[in-house]
């Protein structure tokens, strides 16, 4: 309680940015939405051709982010309670994403076929550049409410995942086996579970705050 009171003015400014009164934030979200939708389509196509599980996990993550950006744009001007509900919904999708990726990784272990390393690496590099650009644009808004935090965490996780996909491609190329690809996919699934749980906790706290206030 004391920390909240001591940072009242900072919190007020941050909430103003998240409330939809910031055209700059809206523009950033629209740009991020377009980038993520385009990368989702590209990675799905390349994943199907190369057989990479980690690339598929990254593609699903891009789809989740594009959906999350669209949802965030829809609730920016609404009250805190509605933004917190949207954040909770996004957190659940992140948790489901993590479970889906872990399931697909288990299936890849069963199949035992190594993916195409070169295509993995090239698309992973392109995806990294896209996510770094989005992360730079979103950096100033990373300390907002649960909704804004969810947007930032999704973008941060994507950038980490892109680096991991590139490392997996190197591992597949060096070993001729598929286990580096599966290992990265499992790590990305666990990261999605961790981020989803973090956003869900904050969203629940903000829902309680809005109900009590």
N, C-alpha and C. Protein backbone atom coordinates (compact mmCIF):
# COMPACT_ATOMS: atom_id res chain seq x y z
N UNK A 1 0.83 -1.20 0.00
CA UNK A 1 0.00 0.00 0.00
C UNK A 1 0.87 1.25 0.00
N UNK A 2 1.94 1.25 0.84
CA UNK A 2 2.79 2.43 0.90
C UNK A 2 3.51 2.66 -0.42
N UNK A 3 3.94 1.58 -1.06
CA UNK A 3 4.64 1.73 -2.34
C UNK A 3 3.71 2.33 -3.38
N UNK A 4 2.45 1.92 -3.37
CA UNK A 4 1.48 2.46 -4.32
C UNK A 4 1.28 3.95 -4.08
N UNK A 5 1.18 4.33 -2.82
CA UNK A 5 0.98 5.75 -2.52
C UNK A 5 2.20 6.57 -2.89
N UNK A 6 3.40 6.04 -2.64
CA UNK A 6 4.62 6.78 -2.94
C UNK A 6 4.81 7.00 -4.43
N UNK A 7 4.24 6.14 -5.28
CA UNK A 7 4.42 6.25 -6.72
C UNK A 7 3.10 6.60 -7.39
N UNK A 8 2.28 7.37 -6.69
CA UNK A 8 0.94 7.68 -7.21
C UNK A 8 1.01 8.41 -8.55
N UNK A 9 1.88 9.42 -8.64
CA UNK A 9 1.93 10.22 -9.87
C UNK A 9 2.47 9.39 -11.03
N UNK A 10 3.45 8.55 -10.76
CA UNK A 10 3.99 7.69 -11.81
C UNK A 10 2.92 6.72 -12.31
N UNK A 11 2.16 6.12 -11.35
CA UNK A 11 1.11 5.19 -11.72
C UNK A 11 0.03 5.88 -12.53
N UNK A 12 -0.29 7.12 -12.14
CA UNK A 12 -1.33 7.86 -12.86
C UNK A 12 -0.91 8.11 -14.31
N UNK A 13 0.36 8.48 -14.50
CA UNK A 13 0.86 8.72 -15.85
C UNK A 13 0.85 7.44 -16.68
N UNK A 14 1.25 6.35 -16.06
CA UNK A 14 1.28 5.07 -16.77
C UNK A 14 -0.11 4.64 -17.16
N UNK A 15 -1.08 4.82 -16.24
CA UNK A 15 -2.46 4.43 -16.54
C UNK A 15 -3.03 5.29 -17.66
N UNK A 16 -2.61 6.55 -17.72
CA UNK A 16 -3.07 7.41 -18.81
C UNK A 16 -2.58 6.89 -20.15
N UNK A 17 -1.34 6.41 -20.19
CA UNK A 17 -0.81 5.84 -21.43
C UNK A 17 -1.60 4.62 -21.84
N UNK A 18 -2.02 3.81 -20.86
CA UNK A 18 -2.70 2.55 -21.16
C UNK A 18 -4.18 2.73 -21.43
N UNK A 19 -4.72 3.88 -21.16
CA UNK A 19 -6.17 4.05 -21.23
C UNK A 19 -6.69 4.33 -22.63
N UNK A 20 -5.77 4.50 -23.60
CA UNK A 20 -6.21 4.80 -24.95
C UNK A 20 -6.06 6.27 -25.29
N UNK A 21 -5.57 7.08 -24.34
CA UNK A 21 -5.36 8.50 -24.61
C UNK A 21 -4.01 8.75 -25.26
N UNK A 22 -3.25 7.70 -25.50
CA UNK A 22 -1.94 7.84 -26.13
C UNK A 22 -2.00 7.33 -27.57
N UNK A 23 -2.10 8.23 -28.54
CA UNK A 23 -2.11 7.81 -29.95
C UNK A 23 -0.83 7.08 -30.33
N UNK A 24 0.29 7.46 -29.71
CA UNK A 24 1.56 6.80 -30.04
C UNK A 24 1.51 5.31 -29.68
N UNK A 25 0.93 4.99 -28.52
CA UNK A 25 0.83 3.59 -28.10
C UNK A 25 -0.07 2.82 -29.05
N UNK A 26 -1.16 3.42 -29.48
CA UNK A 26 -2.05 2.76 -30.45
C UNK A 26 -1.33 2.48 -31.77
N UNK A 27 -0.55 3.45 -32.23
CA UNK A 27 0.19 3.26 -33.48
C UNK A 27 1.18 2.12 -33.36
N UNK A 28 1.86 2.05 -32.21
CA UNK A 28 2.81 0.97 -31.97
C UNK A 28 2.10 -0.38 -32.02
N UNK A 29 0.93 -0.46 -31.40
CA UNK A 29 0.19 -1.72 -31.38
C UNK A 29 -0.26 -2.14 -32.78
N UNK A 30 -0.70 -1.18 -33.59
CA UNK A 30 -1.11 -1.50 -34.96
C UNK A 30 0.07 -2.02 -35.78
N UNK A 31 1.22 -1.37 -35.63
CA UNK A 31 2.41 -1.83 -36.35
C UNK A 31 2.80 -3.23 -35.87
N UNK A 32 2.78 -3.44 -34.56
CA UNK A 32 3.13 -4.75 -34.00
C UNK A 32 2.16 -5.82 -34.47
N UNK A 33 0.89 -5.48 -34.56
CA UNK A 33 -0.12 -6.43 -35.04
C UNK A 33 0.20 -6.88 -36.47
N UNK A 34 0.53 -5.93 -37.34
CA UNK A 34 0.84 -6.27 -38.73
C UNK A 34 2.09 -7.12 -38.85
N UNK A 35 3.13 -6.77 -38.09
CA UNK A 35 4.38 -7.53 -38.14
C UNK A 35 4.16 -8.96 -37.66
N UNK A 36 3.44 -9.13 -36.56
CA UNK A 36 3.23 -10.47 -36.01
C UNK A 36 2.36 -11.33 -36.91
N UNK A 37 1.34 -10.75 -37.51
CA UNK A 37 0.48 -11.52 -38.42
C UNK A 37 1.28 -12.01 -39.63
N UNK A 38 2.13 -11.13 -40.19
CA UNK A 38 2.94 -11.52 -41.35
C UNK A 38 3.94 -12.61 -40.98
N UNK A 39 4.58 -12.50 -39.82
CA UNK A 39 5.56 -13.49 -39.41
C UNK A 39 4.89 -14.83 -39.09
N UNK A 40 3.68 -14.80 -38.56
CA UNK A 40 2.95 -16.04 -38.31
C UNK A 40 2.75 -16.83 -39.61
N UNK A 41 2.29 -16.15 -40.65
CA UNK A 41 2.05 -16.83 -41.93
C UNK A 41 3.35 -17.38 -42.51
N UNK A 42 4.43 -16.60 -42.41
CA UNK A 42 5.71 -17.05 -42.95
C UNK A 42 6.23 -18.27 -42.19
N UNK A 43 6.18 -18.22 -40.86
CA UNK A 43 6.76 -19.31 -40.07
C UNK A 43 5.94 -20.59 -40.16
N UNK A 44 4.63 -20.47 -40.29
CA UNK A 44 3.82 -21.67 -40.48
C UNK A 44 4.22 -22.38 -41.77
N UNK A 45 4.38 -21.59 -42.83
CA UNK A 45 4.75 -22.17 -44.12
C UNK A 45 6.13 -22.83 -44.07
N UNK A 46 7.10 -22.14 -43.48
CA UNK A 46 8.46 -22.68 -43.43
C UNK A 46 8.54 -23.86 -42.46
N UNK A 47 7.79 -23.80 -41.36
CA UNK A 47 7.79 -24.90 -40.40
C UNK A 47 7.25 -26.18 -41.05
N UNK A 48 6.19 -26.04 -41.84
CA UNK A 48 5.61 -27.21 -42.51
C UNK A 48 6.60 -27.81 -43.50
N UNK A 49 7.39 -26.96 -44.14
CA UNK A 49 8.34 -27.45 -45.14
C UNK A 49 9.61 -28.01 -44.50
N UNK A 50 10.08 -27.38 -43.41
CA UNK A 50 11.33 -27.79 -42.79
C UNK A 50 11.15 -28.86 -41.72
N UNK A 51 9.94 -28.96 -41.16
CA UNK A 51 9.69 -29.93 -40.09
C UNK A 51 10.17 -29.49 -38.73
N UNK A 52 10.41 -28.19 -38.54
CA UNK A 52 10.93 -27.69 -37.27
C UNK A 52 9.81 -27.47 -36.25
N UNK A 53 9.95 -28.09 -35.08
CA UNK A 53 8.98 -27.91 -34.00
C UNK A 53 9.16 -26.55 -33.34
N UNK A 54 10.40 -26.14 -33.13
CA UNK A 54 10.64 -24.85 -32.49
C UNK A 54 10.14 -23.70 -33.37
N UNK A 55 10.27 -23.85 -34.68
CA UNK A 55 9.77 -22.83 -35.59
C UNK A 55 8.24 -22.78 -35.55
N UNK A 56 7.61 -23.95 -35.44
CA UNK A 56 6.16 -23.99 -35.30
C UNK A 56 5.72 -23.33 -34.00
N UNK A 57 6.47 -23.61 -32.92
CA UNK A 57 6.17 -22.97 -31.63
C UNK A 57 6.27 -21.46 -31.74
N UNK A 58 7.27 -20.98 -32.46
CA UNK A 58 7.44 -19.55 -32.65
C UNK A 58 6.30 -18.97 -33.50
N UNK A 59 5.85 -19.73 -34.51
CA UNK A 59 4.74 -19.28 -35.35
C UNK A 59 3.46 -19.15 -34.53
N UNK A 60 3.19 -20.14 -33.69
CA UNK A 60 2.01 -20.09 -32.83
C UNK A 60 2.10 -18.90 -31.89
N UNK A 61 3.31 -18.62 -31.42
CA UNK A 61 3.52 -17.47 -30.55
C UNK A 61 3.24 -16.16 -31.28
N UNK A 62 3.65 -16.07 -32.54
CA UNK A 62 3.34 -14.88 -33.35
C UNK A 62 1.83 -14.71 -33.51
N UNK A 63 1.13 -15.82 -33.74
CA UNK A 63 -0.32 -15.74 -33.86
C UNK A 63 -0.95 -15.26 -32.56
N UNK A 64 -0.48 -15.82 -31.45
CA UNK A 64 -0.98 -15.41 -30.15
C UNK A 64 -0.75 -13.92 -29.91
N UNK A 65 0.43 -13.44 -30.29
CA UNK A 65 0.73 -12.03 -30.10
C UNK A 65 -0.14 -11.13 -30.98
N UNK A 66 -0.34 -11.54 -32.23
CA UNK A 66 -1.20 -10.74 -33.12
C UNK A 66 -2.60 -10.64 -32.55
N UNK A 67 -3.10 -11.76 -32.04
CA UNK A 67 -4.42 -11.77 -31.41
C UNK A 67 -4.44 -10.88 -30.17
N UNK A 68 -3.37 -10.96 -29.39
CA UNK A 68 -3.27 -10.16 -28.17
C UNK A 68 -3.22 -8.66 -28.47
N UNK A 69 -2.48 -8.28 -29.52
CA UNK A 69 -2.43 -6.87 -29.88
C UNK A 69 -3.81 -6.36 -30.30
N UNK A 70 -4.53 -7.19 -31.07
CA UNK A 70 -5.88 -6.80 -31.50
C UNK A 70 -6.80 -6.64 -30.28
N UNK A 71 -6.68 -7.56 -29.33
CA UNK A 71 -7.51 -7.48 -28.13
C UNK A 71 -7.15 -6.26 -27.29
N UNK A 72 -5.87 -5.98 -27.19
CA UNK A 72 -5.42 -4.81 -26.44
C UNK A 72 -5.95 -3.53 -27.06
N UNK A 73 -5.91 -3.42 -28.38
CA UNK A 73 -6.45 -2.24 -29.05
C UNK A 73 -7.94 -2.08 -28.77
N UNK A 74 -8.65 -3.19 -28.63
CA UNK A 74 -10.09 -3.14 -28.40
C UNK A 74 -10.44 -2.63 -27.00
N UNK A 75 -9.54 -2.84 -26.01
CA UNK A 75 -9.88 -2.49 -24.62
C UNK A 75 -9.08 -1.32 -24.07
N UNK A 76 -8.23 -0.69 -24.89
CA UNK A 76 -7.37 0.37 -24.38
C UNK A 76 -8.14 1.49 -23.68
N UNK A 77 -9.29 1.87 -24.22
CA UNK A 77 -10.01 3.02 -23.67
C UNK A 77 -11.01 2.61 -22.60
N UNK A 78 -11.07 1.33 -22.24
CA UNK A 78 -12.03 0.86 -21.25
C UNK A 78 -11.46 0.99 -19.84
N UNK A 79 -12.30 0.74 -18.86
CA UNK A 79 -11.89 0.85 -17.45
C UNK A 79 -10.89 -0.24 -17.10
N UNK A 80 -10.21 -0.04 -15.95
CA UNK A 80 -9.19 -0.98 -15.50
C UNK A 80 -9.73 -2.40 -15.39
N UNK A 81 -10.94 -2.55 -14.90
CA UNK A 81 -11.50 -3.90 -14.73
C UNK A 81 -11.59 -4.64 -16.06
N UNK A 82 -12.01 -3.96 -17.12
CA UNK A 82 -12.11 -4.60 -18.43
C UNK A 82 -10.73 -4.90 -19.01
N UNK A 83 -9.77 -3.99 -18.78
CA UNK A 83 -8.41 -4.26 -19.25
C UNK A 83 -7.82 -5.44 -18.51
N UNK A 84 -8.14 -5.55 -17.21
CA UNK A 84 -7.64 -6.68 -16.43
C UNK A 84 -8.27 -7.99 -16.90
N UNK A 85 -9.56 -7.96 -17.25
CA UNK A 85 -10.21 -9.17 -17.78
C UNK A 85 -9.58 -9.60 -19.10
N UNK A 86 -9.28 -8.60 -19.96
CA UNK A 86 -8.62 -8.91 -21.23
C UNK A 86 -7.24 -9.51 -20.99
N UNK A 87 -6.52 -8.96 -20.01
CA UNK A 87 -5.20 -9.49 -19.68
C UNK A 87 -5.30 -10.93 -19.17
N UNK A 88 -6.32 -11.20 -18.36
CA UNK A 88 -6.51 -12.56 -17.86
C UNK A 88 -6.79 -13.53 -19.01
N UNK A 89 -7.59 -13.08 -19.97
CA UNK A 89 -7.89 -13.91 -21.13
C UNK A 89 -6.62 -14.19 -21.93
N UNK A 90 -5.80 -13.15 -22.12
CA UNK A 90 -4.54 -13.32 -22.83
C UNK A 90 -3.62 -14.26 -22.07
N UNK A 91 -3.62 -14.17 -20.74
CA UNK A 91 -2.77 -15.05 -19.94
C UNK A 91 -3.17 -16.51 -20.13
N UNK A 92 -4.46 -16.75 -20.19
CA UNK A 92 -4.94 -18.12 -20.42
C UNK A 92 -4.48 -18.62 -21.78
N UNK A 93 -4.52 -17.75 -22.81
CA UNK A 93 -4.06 -18.18 -24.13
C UNK A 93 -2.56 -18.49 -24.11
N UNK A 94 -1.80 -17.73 -23.33
CA UNK A 94 -0.37 -18.02 -23.20
C UNK A 94 -0.14 -19.37 -22.53
N UNK A 95 -0.95 -19.67 -21.51
CA UNK A 95 -0.83 -20.96 -20.84
C UNK A 95 -1.19 -22.11 -21.78
N UNK A 96 -2.26 -21.92 -22.56
CA UNK A 96 -2.66 -22.95 -23.52
C UNK A 96 -1.59 -23.14 -24.60
N UNK A 97 -0.97 -22.03 -25.00
CA UNK A 97 0.11 -22.10 -25.97
C UNK A 97 1.25 -22.97 -25.44
N UNK A 98 1.62 -22.74 -24.20
CA UNK A 98 2.69 -23.53 -23.60
C UNK A 98 2.38 -25.01 -23.59
N UNK A 99 1.15 -25.35 -23.23
CA UNK A 99 0.75 -26.76 -23.21
C UNK A 99 0.78 -27.36 -24.62
N UNK A 100 0.29 -26.59 -25.61
CA UNK A 100 0.26 -27.08 -27.00
C UNK A 100 1.67 -27.32 -27.53
N UNK A 101 2.59 -26.42 -27.23
CA UNK A 101 3.96 -26.57 -27.70
C UNK A 101 4.61 -27.81 -27.07
N UNK A 102 4.38 -28.01 -25.78
CA UNK A 102 4.95 -29.18 -25.12
C UNK A 102 4.39 -30.47 -25.72
N UNK A 103 3.11 -30.45 -26.06
CA UNK A 103 2.51 -31.63 -26.68
C UNK A 103 3.10 -31.91 -28.05
N UNK A 104 3.31 -30.86 -28.85
CA UNK A 104 3.90 -31.04 -30.19
C UNK A 104 5.34 -31.50 -30.09
N UNK A 105 6.06 -31.03 -29.07
CA UNK A 105 7.43 -31.47 -28.87
C UNK A 105 7.48 -32.95 -28.55
N UNK A 106 6.53 -33.42 -27.74
CA UNK A 106 6.47 -34.84 -27.42
C UNK A 106 6.22 -35.67 -28.68
N UNK A 107 5.38 -35.18 -29.57
CA UNK A 107 5.11 -35.88 -30.83
C UNK A 107 6.35 -35.91 -31.72
N UNK A 108 7.12 -34.82 -31.72
CA UNK A 108 8.35 -34.78 -32.52
C UNK A 108 9.37 -35.79 -32.02
N UNK A 109 9.43 -35.97 -30.70
CA UNK A 109 10.31 -36.99 -30.14
C UNK A 109 9.91 -38.37 -30.65
N UNK A 110 8.61 -38.60 -30.73
CA UNK A 110 8.09 -39.88 -31.22
C UNK A 110 8.46 -40.10 -32.69
N UNK A 111 8.37 -39.02 -33.50
CA UNK A 111 8.69 -39.14 -34.92
C UNK A 111 10.19 -39.33 -35.15
N UNK A 112 11.00 -38.56 -34.44
CA UNK A 112 12.45 -38.72 -34.52
C UNK A 112 13.11 -38.24 -35.80
N UNK A 113 12.49 -37.29 -36.52
CA UNK A 113 13.08 -36.80 -37.76
C UNK A 113 13.69 -35.41 -37.54
N UNK A 114 14.95 -35.20 -37.94
CA UNK A 114 15.57 -33.87 -37.78
C UNK A 114 15.01 -32.89 -38.80
N UNK A 115 14.86 -31.61 -38.42
CA UNK A 115 14.35 -30.59 -39.35
C UNK A 115 15.44 -30.07 -40.27
N UNK A 116 15.06 -29.18 -41.18
CA UNK A 116 16.00 -28.54 -42.09
C UNK A 116 16.62 -27.33 -41.39
N UNK A 117 17.91 -27.43 -41.08
CA UNK A 117 18.57 -26.44 -40.24
C UNK A 117 18.70 -25.07 -40.91
N UNK A 118 19.02 -25.04 -42.20
CA UNK A 118 19.26 -23.76 -42.87
C UNK A 118 18.01 -22.89 -42.88
N UNK A 119 16.87 -23.48 -43.23
CA UNK A 119 15.62 -22.72 -43.24
C UNK A 119 15.26 -22.25 -41.85
N UNK A 120 15.48 -23.10 -40.84
CA UNK A 120 15.23 -22.70 -39.45
C UNK A 120 16.03 -21.46 -39.10
N UNK A 121 17.32 -21.47 -39.41
CA UNK A 121 18.19 -20.37 -39.03
C UNK A 121 17.84 -19.06 -39.72
N UNK A 122 17.56 -19.13 -41.01
CA UNK A 122 17.25 -17.91 -41.76
C UNK A 122 15.95 -17.27 -41.29
N UNK A 123 14.91 -18.09 -41.11
CA UNK A 123 13.63 -17.54 -40.65
C UNK A 123 13.73 -17.09 -39.20
N UNK A 124 14.51 -17.81 -38.40
CA UNK A 124 14.72 -17.39 -37.02
C UNK A 124 15.37 -16.03 -36.94
N UNK A 125 16.34 -15.77 -37.82
CA UNK A 125 17.00 -14.45 -37.85
C UNK A 125 16.03 -13.35 -38.26
N UNK A 126 15.22 -13.62 -39.28
CA UNK A 126 14.23 -12.63 -39.71
C UNK A 126 13.22 -12.34 -38.60
N UNK A 127 12.78 -13.41 -37.92
CA UNK A 127 11.83 -13.23 -36.82
C UNK A 127 12.45 -12.43 -35.68
N UNK A 128 13.73 -12.66 -35.40
CA UNK A 128 14.41 -11.91 -34.35
C UNK A 128 14.44 -10.42 -34.68
N UNK A 129 14.78 -10.09 -35.92
CA UNK A 129 14.81 -8.68 -36.32
C UNK A 129 13.43 -8.04 -36.17
N UNK A 130 12.38 -8.79 -36.54
CA UNK A 130 11.02 -8.26 -36.42
C UNK A 130 10.66 -8.01 -34.96
N UNK A 131 11.00 -8.96 -34.09
CA UNK A 131 10.63 -8.82 -32.69
C UNK A 131 11.46 -7.78 -31.96
N UNK A 132 12.72 -7.63 -32.33
CA UNK A 132 13.54 -6.58 -31.72
C UNK A 132 12.96 -5.21 -32.07
N UNK A 133 12.53 -5.05 -33.31
CA UNK A 133 11.92 -3.78 -33.72
C UNK A 133 10.66 -3.49 -32.90
N UNK A 134 9.81 -4.51 -32.71
CA UNK A 134 8.60 -4.32 -31.92
C UNK A 134 8.94 -4.06 -30.45
N UNK A 135 9.91 -4.81 -29.92
CA UNK A 135 10.30 -4.64 -28.52
C UNK A 135 10.82 -3.23 -28.25
N UNK A 136 11.59 -2.68 -29.18
CA UNK A 136 12.11 -1.32 -29.02
C UNK A 136 10.94 -0.33 -28.96
N UNK A 137 9.95 -0.53 -29.81
CA UNK A 137 8.79 0.37 -29.82
C UNK A 137 7.97 0.26 -28.54
N UNK A 138 7.90 -0.95 -27.96
CA UNK A 138 7.06 -1.17 -26.78
C UNK A 138 7.79 -0.92 -25.46
N UNK A 139 9.10 -0.72 -25.50
CA UNK A 139 9.89 -0.65 -24.28
C UNK A 139 9.38 0.39 -23.30
N UNK A 140 8.97 1.53 -23.82
CA UNK A 140 8.53 2.62 -22.93
C UNK A 140 7.23 2.29 -22.21
N UNK A 141 6.49 1.26 -22.65
CA UNK A 141 5.18 0.95 -22.08
C UNK A 141 5.20 -0.35 -21.27
N UNK A 142 6.38 -0.85 -20.91
CA UNK A 142 6.49 -2.18 -20.30
C UNK A 142 6.05 -2.23 -18.85
N UNK A 143 5.95 -1.07 -18.16
CA UNK A 143 5.63 -1.05 -16.73
C UNK A 143 4.20 -0.63 -16.46
N UNK A 144 3.29 -0.81 -17.40
CA UNK A 144 1.91 -0.41 -17.19
C UNK A 144 1.10 -1.45 -16.45
N UNK A 145 -0.21 -1.51 -16.74
CA UNK A 145 -1.07 -2.46 -16.07
C UNK A 145 -0.84 -3.87 -16.61
N UNK A 146 -1.66 -4.83 -16.16
CA UNK A 146 -1.46 -6.23 -16.56
C UNK A 146 -1.60 -6.39 -18.06
N UNK A 147 -2.47 -5.59 -18.67
CA UNK A 147 -2.68 -5.68 -20.11
C UNK A 147 -1.40 -5.27 -20.86
N UNK A 148 -0.82 -4.14 -20.46
CA UNK A 148 0.41 -3.68 -21.09
C UNK A 148 1.57 -4.61 -20.77
N UNK A 149 1.61 -5.13 -19.54
CA UNK A 149 2.68 -6.05 -19.17
C UNK A 149 2.60 -7.32 -20.01
N UNK A 150 1.36 -7.77 -20.28
CA UNK A 150 1.19 -8.96 -21.11
C UNK A 150 1.72 -8.74 -22.51
N UNK A 151 1.46 -7.57 -23.07
CA UNK A 151 1.96 -7.23 -24.41
C UNK A 151 3.48 -7.24 -24.41
N UNK A 152 4.08 -6.61 -23.40
CA UNK A 152 5.54 -6.54 -23.33
C UNK A 152 6.15 -7.93 -23.16
N UNK A 153 5.58 -8.76 -22.26
CA UNK A 153 6.13 -10.09 -22.03
C UNK A 153 6.05 -10.97 -23.27
N UNK A 154 4.94 -10.85 -24.02
CA UNK A 154 4.81 -11.62 -25.25
C UNK A 154 5.93 -11.26 -26.22
N UNK A 155 6.20 -9.97 -26.37
CA UNK A 155 7.23 -9.53 -27.30
C UNK A 155 8.62 -9.94 -26.82
N UNK A 156 8.87 -9.80 -25.54
CA UNK A 156 10.15 -10.21 -24.98
C UNK A 156 10.36 -11.70 -25.17
N UNK A 157 9.33 -12.50 -24.90
CA UNK A 157 9.45 -13.95 -25.05
C UNK A 157 9.72 -14.33 -26.50
N UNK A 158 9.10 -13.59 -27.42
CA UNK A 158 9.33 -13.88 -28.84
C UNK A 158 10.79 -13.67 -29.21
N UNK A 159 11.37 -12.56 -28.76
CA UNK A 159 12.76 -12.28 -29.09
C UNK A 159 13.68 -13.36 -28.51
N UNK A 160 13.42 -13.77 -27.28
CA UNK A 160 14.19 -14.85 -26.68
C UNK A 160 14.01 -16.14 -27.48
N UNK A 161 12.77 -16.40 -27.88
CA UNK A 161 12.48 -17.60 -28.64
C UNK A 161 13.17 -17.61 -29.99
N UNK A 162 13.27 -16.43 -30.64
CA UNK A 162 13.95 -16.36 -31.94
C UNK A 162 15.42 -16.72 -31.82
N UNK A 163 16.08 -16.19 -30.78
CA UNK A 163 17.48 -16.53 -30.55
C UNK A 163 17.61 -18.04 -30.31
N UNK A 164 16.67 -18.59 -29.56
CA UNK A 164 16.71 -20.02 -29.27
C UNK A 164 16.52 -20.86 -30.53
N UNK A 165 15.63 -20.42 -31.42
CA UNK A 165 15.43 -21.14 -32.67
C UNK A 165 16.71 -21.15 -33.50
N UNK A 166 17.41 -20.03 -33.53
CA UNK A 166 18.67 -19.96 -34.27
C UNK A 166 19.72 -20.88 -33.66
N UNK A 167 19.77 -20.93 -32.33
CA UNK A 167 20.70 -21.85 -31.66
C UNK A 167 20.31 -23.30 -31.94
N UNK A 168 19.01 -23.57 -31.99
CA UNK A 168 18.56 -24.92 -32.31
C UNK A 168 18.97 -25.30 -33.72
N UNK A 169 18.87 -24.34 -34.65
CA UNK A 169 19.28 -24.61 -36.03
C UNK A 169 20.76 -24.97 -36.10
N UNK A 170 21.57 -24.24 -35.34
CA UNK A 170 22.99 -24.57 -35.28
C UNK A 170 23.21 -25.95 -34.69
N UNK A 171 22.43 -26.27 -33.65
CA UNK A 171 22.55 -27.59 -33.03
C UNK A 171 22.16 -28.72 -33.98
N UNK A 172 21.07 -28.51 -34.72
CA UNK A 172 20.64 -29.52 -35.68
C UNK A 172 21.68 -29.69 -36.79
N UNK A 173 22.22 -28.55 -37.25
CA UNK A 173 23.23 -28.59 -38.30
C UNK A 173 24.50 -29.32 -37.83
N UNK A 174 24.89 -29.06 -36.58
CA UNK A 174 26.12 -29.66 -36.07
C UNK A 174 26.00 -31.13 -35.71
N UNK A 175 24.83 -31.55 -35.23
CA UNK A 175 24.66 -32.92 -34.77
C UNK A 175 23.95 -33.82 -35.77
N UNK A 176 23.17 -33.21 -36.69
CA UNK A 176 22.39 -34.02 -37.62
C UNK A 176 21.20 -34.69 -36.96
N UNK A 177 20.87 -34.27 -35.72
CA UNK A 177 19.77 -34.86 -34.97
C UNK A 177 18.71 -33.79 -34.69
N UNK A 178 17.52 -34.26 -34.29
CA UNK A 178 16.43 -33.33 -34.04
C UNK A 178 16.29 -32.87 -32.61
N UNK A 179 17.10 -33.41 -31.69
CA UNK A 179 16.89 -33.08 -30.28
C UNK A 179 17.12 -31.60 -29.94
N UNK A 180 18.05 -30.86 -30.60
CA UNK A 180 18.15 -29.43 -30.26
C UNK A 180 16.86 -28.68 -30.57
N UNK A 181 16.21 -29.03 -31.67
CA UNK A 181 14.95 -28.40 -32.05
C UNK A 181 13.88 -28.68 -31.01
N UNK A 182 13.79 -29.94 -30.55
CA UNK A 182 12.80 -30.31 -29.54
C UNK A 182 13.10 -29.63 -28.21
N UNK A 183 14.38 -29.57 -27.84
CA UNK A 183 14.77 -28.96 -26.56
C UNK A 183 14.36 -27.49 -26.52
N UNK A 184 14.58 -26.79 -27.62
CA UNK A 184 14.20 -25.37 -27.68
C UNK A 184 12.68 -25.22 -27.63
N UNK A 185 11.96 -26.10 -28.32
CA UNK A 185 10.50 -26.05 -28.29
C UNK A 185 9.98 -26.25 -26.86
N UNK A 186 10.58 -27.17 -26.12
CA UNK A 186 10.17 -27.40 -24.73
C UNK A 186 10.46 -26.16 -23.88
N UNK A 187 11.63 -25.55 -24.08
CA UNK A 187 11.97 -24.33 -23.33
C UNK A 187 10.99 -23.21 -23.64
N UNK A 188 10.60 -23.06 -24.91
CA UNK A 188 9.65 -22.02 -25.28
C UNK A 188 8.28 -22.28 -24.67
N UNK A 189 7.90 -23.56 -24.61
CA UNK A 189 6.63 -23.91 -23.97
C UNK A 189 6.64 -23.56 -22.50
N UNK A 190 7.73 -23.84 -21.81
CA UNK A 190 7.84 -23.51 -20.39
C UNK A 190 7.86 -22.00 -20.17
N UNK A 191 8.50 -21.26 -21.08
CA UNK A 191 8.53 -19.80 -20.97
C UNK A 191 7.12 -19.22 -21.12
N UNK A 192 6.34 -19.79 -22.04
CA UNK A 192 4.97 -19.32 -22.21
C UNK A 192 4.14 -19.59 -20.95
N UNK A 193 4.35 -20.74 -20.33
CA UNK A 193 3.63 -21.05 -19.08
C UNK A 193 4.00 -20.07 -17.97
N UNK A 194 5.29 -19.77 -17.86
CA UNK A 194 5.76 -18.85 -16.81
C UNK A 194 5.20 -17.45 -17.02
N UNK A 195 5.27 -16.94 -18.26
CA UNK A 195 4.77 -15.59 -18.54
C UNK A 195 3.26 -15.52 -18.36
N UNK A 196 2.55 -16.55 -18.82
CA UNK A 196 1.10 -16.57 -18.67
C UNK A 196 0.68 -16.53 -17.21
N UNK A 197 1.37 -17.28 -16.38
CA UNK A 197 1.04 -17.30 -14.95
C UNK A 197 1.33 -15.95 -14.30
N UNK A 198 2.42 -15.30 -14.71
CA UNK A 198 2.78 -13.99 -14.17
C UNK A 198 1.71 -12.94 -14.50
N UNK A 199 1.27 -12.91 -15.76
CA UNK A 199 0.25 -11.95 -16.17
C UNK A 199 -1.08 -12.25 -15.50
N UNK A 200 -1.42 -13.53 -15.35
CA UNK A 200 -2.68 -13.92 -14.72
C UNK A 200 -2.72 -13.46 -13.26
N UNK A 201 -1.61 -13.58 -12.55
CA UNK A 201 -1.56 -13.13 -11.15
C UNK A 201 -1.80 -11.63 -11.07
N UNK A 202 -1.14 -10.85 -11.95
CA UNK A 202 -1.31 -9.40 -11.91
C UNK A 202 -2.73 -9.01 -12.31
N UNK A 203 -3.29 -9.69 -13.30
CA UNK A 203 -4.66 -9.38 -13.72
C UNK A 203 -5.65 -9.64 -12.59
N UNK A 204 -5.47 -10.73 -11.87
CA UNK A 204 -6.36 -11.04 -10.75
C UNK A 204 -6.25 -9.98 -9.66
N UNK A 205 -5.02 -9.50 -9.40
CA UNK A 205 -4.84 -8.45 -8.40
C UNK A 205 -5.54 -7.16 -8.83
N UNK A 206 -5.46 -6.83 -10.12
CA UNK A 206 -6.10 -5.60 -10.61
C UNK A 206 -7.63 -5.73 -10.62
N UNK A 207 -8.13 -6.94 -10.88
CA UNK A 207 -9.57 -7.15 -10.78
C UNK A 207 -10.04 -6.95 -9.33
N UNK A 208 -9.26 -7.47 -8.38
CA UNK A 208 -9.61 -7.29 -6.98
C UNK A 208 -9.55 -5.82 -6.60
N UNK A 209 -8.54 -5.10 -7.13
CA UNK A 209 -8.43 -3.67 -6.83
C UNK A 209 -9.61 -2.88 -7.39
N UNK A 210 -10.02 -3.20 -8.61
CA UNK A 210 -11.14 -2.49 -9.23
C UNK A 210 -12.46 -2.80 -8.52
N UNK A 211 -12.59 -4.03 -8.01
CA UNK A 211 -13.81 -4.40 -7.28
C UNK A 211 -13.86 -3.71 -5.93
N UNK A 212 -12.69 -3.54 -5.31
CA UNK A 212 -12.65 -2.92 -3.99
C UNK A 212 -12.70 -1.41 -4.03
N UNK A 213 -12.30 -0.84 -5.22
CA UNK A 213 -12.23 0.62 -5.30
C UNK A 213 -13.45 1.23 -5.96
